[in-house]
Amino acid sequence: MAIGITPIVGNWYQGADELRFEVVALDEDEGIIEIHYFDGELDEVEFDVWSQMRVEHVSSPGDWADVCDELAQDDLDDTDFADFDLRS
């Protein structure tokens, strides 16, 4: 790899295209960096390409477990349990 930001598994980065992604694996034998974009897409980048990319380290987008918990609670709040017979 040339001079630039070293990819570290678990760290989040943003490219010049402003897309955020996390490095999820490094395969030094194959020369591949596996990345997971914020929108869920998976991709691979070669070490040579990474060294030419203009990436910057960014903070993680937060704890997704909290987001899921909030969505689940919202769904429960909208449910009318009066129609269910819970005595089975």
N, C-alpha and C. Protein backbone atom coordinates (compact mmCIF):
# COMPACT_ATOMS: atom_id res chain seq x y z
N MET A 1 0.84 -1.19 0.00
CA MET A 1 0.00 0.00 0.00
C MET A 1 0.88 1.24 0.00
N ALA A 2 0.43 2.22 -0.69
CA ALA A 2 1.15 3.48 -0.75
C ALA A 2 0.74 4.36 0.43
N ILE A 3 1.31 5.56 0.45
CA ILE A 3 0.98 6.51 1.51
C ILE A 3 -0.51 6.84 1.46
N GLY A 4 -1.12 6.93 2.59
CA GLY A 4 -2.54 7.24 2.70
C GLY A 4 -3.07 6.66 3.98
N ILE A 5 -4.36 6.54 4.05
CA ILE A 5 -4.99 5.98 5.24
C ILE A 5 -4.96 4.46 5.15
N THR A 6 -4.47 3.83 6.20
CA THR A 6 -4.41 2.38 6.26
C THR A 6 -5.79 1.84 6.63
N PRO A 7 -6.30 0.87 5.85
CA PRO A 7 -7.60 0.30 6.19
C PRO A 7 -7.50 -0.56 7.45
N ILE A 8 -8.43 -0.37 8.37
CA ILE A 8 -8.46 -1.14 9.61
C ILE A 8 -9.85 -1.74 9.76
N VAL A 9 -9.89 -3.05 9.97
CA VAL A 9 -11.16 -3.75 10.13
C VAL A 9 -11.95 -3.13 11.30
N GLY A 10 -13.21 -2.82 11.03
CA GLY A 10 -14.08 -2.22 12.04
C GLY A 10 -14.16 -0.70 11.96
N ASN A 11 -13.23 -0.08 11.24
CA ASN A 11 -13.27 1.38 11.10
C ASN A 11 -14.15 1.78 9.93
N TRP A 12 -14.74 2.96 10.06
CA TRP A 12 -15.59 3.53 9.02
C TRP A 12 -14.83 4.60 8.25
N TYR A 13 -15.11 4.68 6.95
CA TYR A 13 -14.45 5.62 6.07
C TYR A 13 -15.47 6.24 5.14
N GLN A 14 -15.09 7.34 4.53
CA GLN A 14 -15.92 7.99 3.52
C GLN A 14 -15.03 8.30 2.34
N GLY A 15 -15.49 7.93 1.16
CA GLY A 15 -14.74 8.19 -0.06
C GLY A 15 -15.07 9.55 -0.63
N ALA A 16 -14.40 9.88 -1.72
CA ALA A 16 -14.63 11.15 -2.40
C ALA A 16 -16.08 11.26 -2.89
N ASP A 17 -16.72 10.11 -3.11
CA ASP A 17 -18.12 10.09 -3.54
C ASP A 17 -19.09 10.29 -2.38
N GLU A 18 -18.54 10.50 -1.18
CA GLU A 18 -19.27 10.75 0.06
C GLU A 18 -20.07 9.55 0.56
N LEU A 19 -19.81 8.35 0.03
CA LEU A 19 -20.45 7.14 0.53
C LEU A 19 -19.67 6.62 1.72
N ARG A 20 -20.38 6.30 2.80
CA ARG A 20 -19.74 5.78 4.00
C ARG A 20 -19.67 4.26 3.93
N PHE A 21 -18.58 3.70 4.43
CA PHE A 21 -18.44 2.25 4.45
C PHE A 21 -17.53 1.83 5.59
N GLU A 22 -17.68 0.56 5.98
CA GLU A 22 -16.87 -0.03 7.02
C GLU A 22 -15.96 -1.09 6.39
N VAL A 23 -14.73 -1.14 6.82
CA VAL A 23 -13.84 -2.22 6.40
C VAL A 23 -14.19 -3.43 7.25
N VAL A 24 -14.59 -4.54 6.60
CA VAL A 24 -15.02 -5.72 7.34
C VAL A 24 -14.00 -6.85 7.30
N ALA A 25 -13.08 -6.82 6.34
CA ALA A 25 -12.05 -7.87 6.28
C ALA A 25 -10.90 -7.41 5.39
N LEU A 26 -9.72 -7.93 5.71
CA LEU A 26 -8.54 -7.71 4.89
C LEU A 26 -8.00 -9.07 4.48
N ASP A 27 -7.80 -9.28 3.19
CA ASP A 27 -7.22 -10.52 2.69
C ASP A 27 -5.90 -10.16 2.03
N GLU A 28 -4.85 -10.20 2.83
CA GLU A 28 -3.55 -9.78 2.33
C GLU A 28 -3.00 -10.74 1.29
N ASP A 29 -3.37 -12.03 1.36
CA ASP A 29 -2.91 -13.00 0.35
C ASP A 29 -3.47 -12.67 -1.02
N GLU A 30 -4.73 -12.25 -1.06
CA GLU A 30 -5.39 -11.90 -2.32
C GLU A 30 -5.24 -10.41 -2.66
N GLY A 31 -4.81 -9.60 -1.69
CA GLY A 31 -4.68 -8.16 -1.91
C GLY A 31 -6.02 -7.46 -1.97
N ILE A 32 -6.98 -7.94 -1.17
CA ILE A 32 -8.36 -7.43 -1.22
C ILE A 32 -8.77 -6.87 0.14
N ILE A 33 -9.51 -5.77 0.09
CA ILE A 33 -10.14 -5.17 1.27
C ILE A 33 -11.64 -5.33 1.06
N GLU A 34 -12.31 -6.01 2.00
CA GLU A 34 -13.75 -6.17 1.90
C GLU A 34 -14.42 -5.04 2.67
N ILE A 35 -15.39 -4.39 2.02
CA ILE A 35 -16.06 -3.26 2.63
C ILE A 35 -17.57 -3.46 2.62
N HIS A 36 -18.22 -2.82 3.58
CA HIS A 36 -19.67 -2.88 3.74
C HIS A 36 -20.17 -1.44 3.77
N TYR A 37 -20.92 -1.06 2.73
CA TYR A 37 -21.43 0.29 2.66
C TYR A 37 -22.55 0.52 3.66
N PHE A 38 -22.76 1.76 4.02
CA PHE A 38 -23.80 2.17 4.97
C PHE A 38 -25.17 1.66 4.55
N ASP A 39 -25.42 1.58 3.23
CA ASP A 39 -26.73 1.14 2.73
C ASP A 39 -26.87 -0.38 2.68
N GLY A 40 -25.83 -1.11 3.11
CA GLY A 40 -25.91 -2.56 3.17
C GLY A 40 -25.16 -3.29 2.07
N GLU A 41 -24.76 -2.60 1.03
CA GLU A 41 -24.06 -3.24 -0.08
C GLU A 41 -22.65 -3.67 0.33
N LEU A 42 -22.25 -4.85 -0.13
CA LEU A 42 -20.89 -5.35 0.11
C LEU A 42 -20.06 -5.16 -1.15
N ASP A 43 -18.77 -4.94 -0.97
CA ASP A 43 -17.88 -4.72 -2.11
C ASP A 43 -16.47 -5.12 -1.73
N GLU A 44 -15.61 -5.23 -2.72
CA GLU A 44 -14.20 -5.50 -2.51
C GLU A 44 -13.38 -4.45 -3.23
N VAL A 45 -12.27 -4.06 -2.61
CA VAL A 45 -11.36 -3.08 -3.19
C VAL A 45 -9.96 -3.67 -3.12
N GLU A 46 -9.23 -3.58 -4.19
CA GLU A 46 -7.85 -4.05 -4.19
C GLU A 46 -6.98 -3.06 -3.43
N PHE A 47 -5.93 -3.57 -2.78
CA PHE A 47 -5.03 -2.69 -2.03
C PHE A 47 -4.48 -1.57 -2.91
N ASP A 48 -4.15 -1.88 -4.16
CA ASP A 48 -3.62 -0.85 -5.06
C ASP A 48 -4.63 0.26 -5.32
N VAL A 49 -5.90 -0.13 -5.45
CA VAL A 49 -6.96 0.86 -5.68
C VAL A 49 -7.17 1.69 -4.42
N TRP A 50 -7.18 1.02 -3.24
CA TRP A 50 -7.35 1.74 -1.97
C TRP A 50 -6.31 2.85 -1.83
N SER A 51 -5.08 2.53 -2.18
CA SER A 51 -4.00 3.51 -2.01
C SER A 51 -4.20 4.74 -2.88
N GLN A 52 -5.04 4.63 -3.92
CA GLN A 52 -5.30 5.77 -4.80
C GLN A 52 -6.62 6.47 -4.47
N MET A 53 -7.42 5.82 -3.64
CA MET A 53 -8.70 6.41 -3.25
C MET A 53 -8.47 7.55 -2.26
N ARG A 54 -9.30 8.54 -2.33
CA ARG A 54 -9.22 9.63 -1.36
C ARG A 54 -10.26 9.37 -0.28
N VAL A 55 -9.86 8.55 0.70
CA VAL A 55 -10.78 8.23 1.79
C VAL A 55 -10.36 8.97 3.04
N GLU A 56 -11.33 9.19 3.89
CA GLU A 56 -11.06 9.79 5.19
C GLU A 56 -11.77 8.96 6.24
N HIS A 57 -11.16 8.88 7.41
CA HIS A 57 -11.75 8.16 8.52
C HIS A 57 -12.93 8.97 9.05
N VAL A 58 -14.06 8.29 9.29
CA VAL A 58 -15.25 8.95 9.85
C VAL A 58 -15.74 8.12 11.03
N SER A 59 -16.56 8.72 11.86
CA SER A 59 -17.12 7.98 12.99
C SER A 59 -18.17 6.99 12.50
N SER A 60 -18.39 5.96 13.28
CA SER A 60 -19.40 4.97 12.91
C SER A 60 -20.77 5.62 12.94
N PRO A 61 -21.71 5.08 12.17
CA PRO A 61 -23.03 5.70 12.10
C PRO A 61 -23.88 5.50 13.34
N GLY A 62 -23.39 4.87 14.35
CA GLY A 62 -24.15 4.67 15.59
C GLY A 62 -24.50 3.22 15.80
N ASP A 63 -25.21 2.96 16.86
CA ASP A 63 -25.58 1.60 17.22
C ASP A 63 -26.90 1.23 16.56
N TRP A 64 -26.81 0.37 15.56
CA TRP A 64 -28.01 -0.03 14.83
C TRP A 64 -28.97 -0.82 15.69
N ALA A 65 -28.50 -1.46 16.74
CA ALA A 65 -29.40 -2.20 17.64
C ALA A 65 -30.42 -1.26 18.26
N ASP A 66 -29.98 -0.06 18.63
CA ASP A 66 -30.90 0.93 19.21
C ASP A 66 -31.98 1.32 18.21
N VAL A 67 -31.60 1.48 16.93
CA VAL A 67 -32.55 1.84 15.90
C VAL A 67 -33.59 0.74 15.74
N CYS A 68 -33.14 -0.52 15.72
CA CYS A 68 -34.07 -1.65 15.58
C CYS A 68 -35.00 -1.74 16.77
N ASP A 69 -34.47 -1.53 17.97
CA ASP A 69 -35.31 -1.56 19.17
C ASP A 69 -36.40 -0.49 19.11
N GLU A 70 -36.05 0.69 18.65
CA GLU A 70 -37.03 1.77 18.55
C GLU A 70 -38.11 1.43 17.53
N LEU A 71 -37.71 0.86 16.39
CA LEU A 71 -38.69 0.48 15.37
C LEU A 71 -39.63 -0.60 15.90
N ALA A 72 -39.09 -1.58 16.58
CA ALA A 72 -39.92 -2.65 17.13
C ALA A 72 -40.91 -2.09 18.15
N GLN A 73 -40.48 -1.18 19.00
CA GLN A 73 -41.36 -0.58 20.00
C GLN A 73 -42.46 0.23 19.32
N ASP A 74 -42.11 0.97 18.26
CA ASP A 74 -43.11 1.73 17.52
C ASP A 74 -44.16 0.81 16.93
N ASP A 75 -43.75 -0.35 16.40
CA ASP A 75 -44.69 -1.30 15.84
C ASP A 75 -45.64 -1.82 16.91
N LEU A 76 -45.11 -2.10 18.10
CA LEU A 76 -45.94 -2.59 19.19
C LEU A 76 -46.93 -1.54 19.66
N ASP A 77 -46.50 -0.30 19.68
CA ASP A 77 -47.38 0.78 20.13
C ASP A 77 -48.61 0.92 19.25
N ASP A 78 -48.48 0.58 17.97
CA ASP A 78 -49.59 0.72 17.03
C ASP A 78 -50.48 -0.52 16.98
N THR A 79 -50.15 -1.57 17.69
CA THR A 79 -50.91 -2.81 17.63
C THR A 79 -52.04 -2.78 18.65
N ASP A 80 -53.20 -3.17 18.20
CA ASP A 80 -54.36 -3.25 19.09
C ASP A 80 -54.47 -4.68 19.58
N PHE A 81 -54.04 -4.94 20.81
CA PHE A 81 -54.05 -6.28 21.36
C PHE A 81 -55.43 -6.70 21.86
N ALA A 82 -56.41 -5.83 21.83
CA ALA A 82 -57.74 -6.14 22.33
C ALA A 82 -58.38 -7.25 21.48
N ASP A 83 -57.96 -7.40 20.23
CA ASP A 83 -58.55 -8.42 19.35
C ASP A 83 -57.95 -9.80 19.56
N PHE A 84 -56.91 -9.92 20.36
CA PHE A 84 -56.23 -11.20 20.57
C PHE A 84 -56.75 -11.87 21.83
N ASP A 85 -57.01 -13.18 21.72
CA ASP A 85 -57.37 -13.96 22.89
C ASP A 85 -56.10 -14.62 23.40
N LEU A 86 -55.59 -14.15 24.51
CA LEU A 86 -54.32 -14.63 25.05
C LEU A 86 -54.50 -15.80 26.01
N ARG A 87 -55.70 -16.38 26.07
CA ARG A 87 -55.97 -17.46 27.02
C ARG A 87 -55.80 -18.84 26.39
N SER A 88 -55.01 -19.03 25.35
CA SER A 88 -54.91 -20.34 24.70
C SER A 88 -54.00 -21.29 25.38
